[in-house]
Amino acid sequence: MDIVPVGPGFAAELRGVTLFDVAADDAAYQAVRAAFEAHSVLVLRDQQVTDDIQLAFSRRFGPLEVTKVGAIGTGTNLIILTTIGPDGKVVAPESRLALRNKANQLWHTDSTFKQIPALSSVLSARIIPAHGGETEFVSTRLAFERLDATTQKRLENYFVWHDYAHSRSKIAADLASPEERAALPPACWRMVWTNPANGRRALYLASHAYAIEGMDKAEGLKLIEELMDAATAPGLSYMHQWKAGDVVMWDNRATMHRGRPWPALEARLMVRSTIQATEADGVASVRPPARQAAE
């Protein structure tokens, strides 16, 4: 397997390995897992992707998340990210489905709003637009390492509240349905995560983040936005240009990502599987001992 760096200090393309190799062979899995811990974003091109092989590949890394209520794929281990309606046509830009896709164009980290956070997401391209629709990544590990030591120490003691409804309200006030709000109450996680495999630390932030525990809400939100702006400044991202057969996986503990716009009338169909984080992935140390929802 060859590892070819593709981003500014993170992200790499893996050559000479397939999803099937990782699903079937322990040595291939160990090599890809080591690359994942080191590079945070992995690109595998020219894959023969089916739902079954994507799931088999994903399960090697840990237990799979069940898709939440309100999403296409609810109750399964796959989430379908598409602009194609039930009639087979591209939906109107003002439709609820199109607005949900627009919300994914905010900088975010998957599942920070859940009671079990995500280790990794695996995204495969099934139908891609002729123009646009890229996925852009930044390293929150490198963002943390750019901070001075005093700031790093201060942030390690902070806990951040995340809410799915908060991020969706940036697109439309009622984009998160009552069922989603009920199923997804706010979750609180440490602002800085440590990778058990290499000891490197990373900021854990997202568009879902809305408050810092024990801090004035406006002050906390201002700090969250300042840190996100610094992490996503020009020149710090890897922009993935999708091709047929591409699969990308990323470390939700150490990155943020966003979808990029594409022409409204062009179809886009992506399939994502999400691996839950476990104690072995560093999740045990990130939840505060006592949790009360920030007001």
Protein backbone atom coordinates (compact mmCIF):
# COMPACT_ATOMS: atom_id res chain seq x y z
CA MET A 1 0.00 0.00 0.00
CA ASP A 2 1.32 3.43 -0.93
CA ILE A 3 0.43 6.56 1.07
CA VAL A 4 0.45 9.78 -0.94
CA PRO A 5 -0.08 13.06 0.99
CA VAL A 6 -2.68 15.29 -0.66
CA GLY A 7 -3.46 18.04 1.89
CA PRO A 8 -1.61 20.77 3.82
CA GLY A 9 -0.13 18.67 6.63
CA PHE A 10 -2.96 16.13 6.70
CA ALA A 11 -5.02 13.95 4.31
CA ALA A 12 -3.57 11.19 2.15
CA GLU A 13 -4.54 9.02 -0.80
CA LEU A 14 -4.09 5.28 -0.32
CA ARG A 15 -3.03 3.33 -3.40
CA GLY A 16 -2.87 -0.41 -3.82
CA VAL A 17 -5.63 -1.24 -1.35
CA THR A 18 -9.39 -1.76 -1.71
CA LEU A 19 -12.39 -1.73 0.58
CA PHE A 20 -12.59 -5.49 0.15
CA ASP A 21 -8.93 -5.90 1.22
CA VAL A 22 -9.60 -4.08 4.48
CA ALA A 23 -12.83 -5.98 5.12
CA ALA A 24 -11.20 -9.37 4.55
CA ASP A 25 -7.58 -9.04 5.68
CA ASP A 26 -6.24 -8.12 9.12
CA ALA A 27 -2.91 -6.81 7.80
CA ALA A 28 -4.65 -4.51 5.32
CA TYR A 29 -6.92 -3.21 8.07
CA GLN A 30 -3.99 -2.53 10.40
CA ALA A 31 -2.14 -0.61 7.69
CA VAL A 32 -5.18 1.52 6.84
CA ARG A 33 -5.97 2.08 10.52
CA ALA A 34 -2.43 3.35 11.12
CA ALA A 35 -2.75 5.70 8.14
CA PHE A 36 -6.10 6.91 9.48
CA GLU A 37 -4.62 7.77 12.88
CA ALA A 38 -1.71 9.60 11.23
CA HIS A 39 -3.42 11.49 8.40
CA SER A 40 -7.05 11.99 9.59
CA VAL A 41 -8.51 11.98 6.04
CA LEU A 42 -8.01 9.03 3.67
CA VAL A 43 -8.92 8.90 -0.03
CA LEU A 44 -9.43 5.60 -1.84
CA ARG A 45 -10.07 5.89 -5.57
CA ASP A 46 -11.38 3.49 -8.22
CA GLN A 47 -13.32 1.39 -5.74
CA GLN A 48 -16.04 -1.08 -6.69
CA VAL A 49 -18.50 0.26 -4.13
CA THR A 50 -21.71 -1.43 -3.05
CA ASP A 51 -23.67 -0.90 0.14
CA ASP A 52 -22.54 -4.28 1.46
CA ILE A 53 -18.83 -3.76 0.87
CA GLN A 54 -18.97 -0.24 2.31
CA LEU A 55 -20.60 -1.63 5.46
CA ALA A 56 -18.10 -4.50 5.72
CA PHE A 57 -15.19 -2.05 5.38
CA SER A 58 -16.69 0.33 7.94
CA ARG A 59 -17.34 -2.40 10.53
CA ARG A 60 -13.62 -3.16 10.72
CA PHE A 61 -13.14 0.18 12.49
CA GLY A 62 -15.87 -0.23 15.12
CA PRO A 63 -19.61 -0.41 15.76
CA LEU A 64 -21.78 1.37 13.22
CA GLU A 65 -24.12 4.22 13.95
CA VAL A 66 -27.83 3.77 13.25
CA THR A 67 -29.17 6.53 11.02
CA LYS A 68 -31.27 9.03 12.95
CA VAL A 69 -34.93 9.85 12.53
CA GLY A 70 -35.75 12.30 9.75
CA ALA A 71 -32.96 11.15 7.42
CA ILE A 72 -33.11 8.92 4.35
CA GLY A 73 -31.96 5.56 5.67
CA THR A 74 -33.50 5.92 9.14
CA GLY A 75 -32.98 2.77 11.21
CA THR A 76 -30.20 1.37 8.97
CA ASN A 77 -26.42 1.79 9.07
CA LEU A 78 -26.39 3.98 5.95
CA ILE A 79 -27.45 7.57 5.43
CA ILE A 80 -28.40 8.62 1.90
CA LEU A 81 -27.37 12.16 1.00
CA THR A 82 -29.18 13.04 -2.19
CA THR A 83 -31.00 15.71 -4.12
CA ILE A 84 -33.10 13.16 -5.99
CA GLY A 85 -36.74 12.95 -4.93
CA PRO A 86 -39.01 9.87 -4.86
CA ASP A 87 -40.04 10.59 -8.45
CA GLY A 88 -36.44 10.25 -9.64
CA LYS A 89 -36.09 13.96 -10.39
CA VAL A 90 -33.89 16.57 -8.75
CA VAL A 91 -35.86 18.36 -6.03
CA ALA A 92 -36.54 22.11 -6.09
CA PRO A 93 -33.94 24.34 -4.34
CA GLU A 94 -36.51 25.47 -1.75
CA SER A 95 -37.55 21.92 -0.82
CA ARG A 96 -36.81 20.51 2.61
CA LEU A 97 -34.44 17.93 1.13
CA ALA A 98 -32.45 20.63 -0.67
CA LEU A 99 -32.28 22.73 2.51
CA ARG A 100 -30.91 19.75 4.43
CA ASN A 101 -28.18 19.43 1.82
CA LYS A 102 -27.47 23.14 2.21
CA ALA A 103 -27.04 22.66 5.97
CA ASN A 104 -24.24 20.20 5.21
CA GLN A 105 -22.38 23.09 3.60
CA LEU A 106 -21.71 24.50 7.08
CA TRP A 107 -18.39 23.51 8.67
CA HIS A 108 -19.19 20.58 10.92
CA THR A 109 -18.12 17.33 12.49
CA ASP A 110 -20.49 14.39 12.24
CA SER A 111 -22.56 13.35 15.26
CA THR A 112 -21.19 15.80 17.84
CA PHE A 113 -24.84 16.29 18.83
CA LYS A 114 -25.33 12.60 19.69
CA GLN A 115 -24.97 10.80 23.00
CA ILE A 116 -22.42 8.50 21.34
CA PRO A 117 -20.07 10.54 19.14
CA ALA A 118 -18.50 9.36 15.88
CA LEU A 119 -14.99 8.05 15.37
CA SER A 120 -15.10 8.12 11.59
CA SER A 121 -17.34 8.65 8.59
CA VAL A 122 -17.02 6.78 5.29
CA LEU A 123 -18.51 8.52 2.26
CA SER A 124 -18.86 7.03 -1.21
CA ALA A 125 -19.78 8.84 -4.40
CA ARG A 126 -22.60 7.19 -6.36
CA ILE A 127 -23.83 10.09 -8.57
CA ILE A 128 -21.75 13.26 -8.79
CA PRO A 129 -22.55 16.59 -10.47
CA ALA A 130 -20.50 17.71 -13.44
CA HIS A 131 -19.52 20.87 -11.56
CA GLY A 132 -19.09 21.60 -7.85
CA GLY A 133 -20.19 19.35 -5.00
CA GLU A 134 -16.69 18.91 -3.58
CA THR A 135 -16.10 18.04 0.08
CA GLU A 136 -13.68 20.32 1.92
CA PHE A 137 -11.74 19.31 5.05
CA VAL A 138 -9.63 21.06 7.68
CA SER A 139 -7.54 19.56 10.46
CA THR A 140 -8.60 20.58 13.96
CA ARG A 141 -5.50 18.74 15.20
CA LEU A 142 -3.25 21.17 13.33
CA ALA A 143 -5.53 24.04 14.42
CA PHE A 144 -4.92 23.12 18.05
CA GLU A 145 -1.18 22.76 17.51
CA ARG A 146 -1.04 26.29 16.05
CA LEU A 147 -2.32 27.75 19.32
CA ASP A 148 0.09 29.00 21.97
CA ALA A 149 0.68 26.77 25.01
CA THR A 150 -1.30 28.98 27.40
CA THR A 151 -4.38 28.92 25.17
CA GLN A 152 -4.05 25.16 24.66
CA LYS A 153 -4.01 24.59 28.41
CA ARG A 154 -7.07 26.81 28.92
CA LEU A 155 -9.12 25.14 26.21
CA GLU A 156 -8.40 21.65 27.56
CA ASN A 157 -10.61 22.48 30.54
CA TYR A 158 -13.64 23.57 28.50
CA PHE A 159 -16.73 21.54 27.67
CA VAL A 160 -18.89 22.46 24.68
CA TRP A 161 -22.62 21.95 24.09
CA HIS A 162 -23.73 20.69 20.68
CA ASP A 163 -27.27 20.68 19.28
CA TYR A 164 -28.52 19.48 15.90
CA ALA A 165 -31.38 22.00 15.96
CA HIS A 166 -28.88 24.86 16.47
CA SER A 167 -27.02 24.20 13.23
CA ARG A 168 -30.19 23.57 11.22
CA SER A 169 -31.71 26.83 12.45
CA LYS A 170 -28.93 28.65 10.58
CA ILE A 171 -30.60 27.50 7.35
CA ALA A 172 -34.29 27.57 8.35
CA ALA A 173 -35.94 27.96 11.74
CA ASP A 174 -37.97 24.76 11.45
CA LEU A 175 -35.49 22.62 9.52
CA ALA A 176 -35.05 20.30 12.51
CA SER A 177 -38.41 18.59 12.95
CA PRO A 178 -40.10 18.12 16.36
CA GLU A 179 -39.27 14.39 16.11
CA GLU A 180 -35.59 15.16 15.54
CA ARG A 181 -35.48 17.65 18.40
CA ALA A 182 -37.04 15.08 20.74
CA ALA A 183 -34.69 12.30 19.64
CA LEU A 184 -31.55 14.47 19.69
CA PRO A 185 -31.26 16.49 22.90
CA PRO A 186 -28.10 18.60 23.30
CA ALA A 187 -24.86 16.76 24.06
CA CYS A 188 -21.80 18.09 25.90
CA TRP A 189 -18.24 17.11 25.05
CA ARG A 190 -14.75 18.22 25.97
CA MET A 191 -13.42 20.89 23.60
CA VAL A 192 -10.06 19.13 23.20
CA TRP A 193 -9.73 15.41 22.43
CA THR A 194 -6.55 13.37 22.76
CA ASN A 195 -5.87 10.59 20.27
CA PRO A 196 -4.92 7.47 22.30
CA ALA A 197 -2.90 6.08 19.38
CA ASN A 198 -0.41 8.95 19.16
CA GLY A 199 -1.16 11.41 21.98
CA ARG A 200 -1.90 14.29 19.60
CA ARG A 201 -4.69 16.64 20.60
CA ALA A 202 -7.39 18.26 18.48
CA LEU A 203 -10.20 20.77 18.83
CA TYR A 204 -13.67 19.21 18.81
CA LEU A 205 -15.92 21.84 17.25
CA ALA A 206 -18.71 22.09 14.70
CA SER A 207 -21.60 24.18 13.44
CA HIS A 208 -23.67 22.24 16.01
CA ALA A 209 -21.68 23.86 18.87
CA TYR A 210 -23.63 26.62 20.60
CA ALA A 211 -22.33 27.12 24.17
CA ILE A 212 -19.42 26.48 26.54
CA GLU A 213 -20.29 25.00 29.92
CA GLY A 214 -20.04 27.58 32.71
CA MET A 215 -19.47 30.52 30.35
CA ASP A 216 -21.83 33.31 29.34
CA LYS A 217 -23.61 32.00 26.24
CA ALA A 218 -22.70 34.92 23.97
CA GLU A 219 -19.10 34.87 25.15
CA GLY A 220 -18.86 31.11 24.64
CA LEU A 221 -20.35 31.26 21.17
CA LYS A 222 -17.94 34.05 20.24
CA LEU A 223 -14.97 31.89 21.28
CA ILE A 224 -16.33 28.89 19.35
CA GLU A 225 -16.71 31.01 16.22
CA GLU A 226 -13.22 32.51 16.59
CA LEU A 227 -11.64 29.05 16.90
CA MET A 228 -13.61 27.74 13.92
CA ASP A 229 -12.64 30.76 11.82
CA ALA A 230 -8.97 30.20 12.65
CA ALA A 231 -9.20 26.48 11.85
CA THR A 232 -10.88 27.13 8.49
CA ALA A 233 -8.80 30.10 7.32
CA PRO A 234 -7.81 30.17 3.62
CA GLY A 235 -4.96 27.85 2.67
CA LEU A 236 -5.59 25.30 5.44
CA SER A 237 -8.05 22.97 3.73
CA TYR A 238 -7.99 19.90 1.53
CA MET A 239 -10.68 20.09 -1.17
CA HIS A 240 -11.71 16.69 -2.47
CA GLN A 241 -12.80 16.68 -6.10
CA TRP A 242 -15.09 13.68 -6.42
CA LYS A 243 -14.73 11.09 -9.18
CA ALA A 244 -16.78 7.96 -9.80
CA GLY A 245 -15.55 5.17 -7.52
CA ASP A 246 -14.15 7.49 -4.84
CA VAL A 247 -14.44 6.66 -1.15
CA VAL A 248 -13.25 9.08 1.54
CA MET A 249 -13.06 8.39 5.26
CA TRP A 250 -12.19 10.91 7.94
CA ASP A 251 -11.53 11.18 11.66
CA ASN A 252 -14.37 13.10 13.31
CA ARG A 253 -12.18 13.60 16.39
CA ALA A 254 -9.63 15.63 14.43
CA THR A 255 -11.30 17.30 11.44
CA MET A 256 -14.15 19.49 10.30
CA HIS A 257 -15.67 19.28 6.83
CA ARG A 258 -18.32 20.82 4.63
CA GLY A 259 -19.96 20.10 1.30
CA ARG A 260 -19.51 22.67 -1.45
CA PRO A 261 -22.37 23.99 -3.62
CA TRP A 262 -23.25 22.63 -7.06
CA PRO A 263 -25.78 23.65 -9.72
CA ALA A 264 -29.32 23.28 -8.39
CA LEU A 265 -30.54 21.12 -11.26
CA GLU A 266 -27.65 18.62 -11.18
CA ALA A 267 -28.15 15.36 -9.27
CA ARG A 268 -25.86 14.28 -6.45
CA LEU A 269 -26.09 10.98 -4.54
CA MET A 270 -23.66 10.06 -1.78
CA VAL A 271 -23.85 7.23 0.76
CA ARG A 272 -22.33 7.54 4.23
CA SER A 273 -21.64 5.01 6.95
CA THR A 274 -20.54 6.25 10.36
CA ILE A 275 -18.45 4.42 12.95
CA GLN A 276 -19.20 5.14 16.60
CA ALA A 277 -16.39 6.14 18.95
CA THR A 278 -15.60 3.80 21.85
CA GLU A 279 -13.50 4.10 25.00
CA ALA A 280 -10.51 2.84 22.99
CA ASP A 281 -10.93 5.87 20.71
CA GLY A 282 -10.69 8.35 23.59
CA VAL A 283 -14.38 8.91 24.24
CA ALA A 284 -14.21 7.95 27.93
CA SER A 285 -12.36 11.13 28.92
CA VAL A 286 -14.43 13.71 27.10
CA ARG A 287 -17.76 13.83 28.93
CA PRO A 288 -18.04 16.10 32.00
CA PRO A 289 -18.88 14.39 35.31
CA ALA A 290 -22.12 16.36 35.73
CA ARG A 291 -24.17 17.55 32.78
CA GLN A 292 -26.89 20.18 32.75
CA ALA A 293 -28.08 21.67 29.48
CA ALA A 294 -26.79 25.18 28.87
CA GLU A 295 -29.62 27.70 28.66
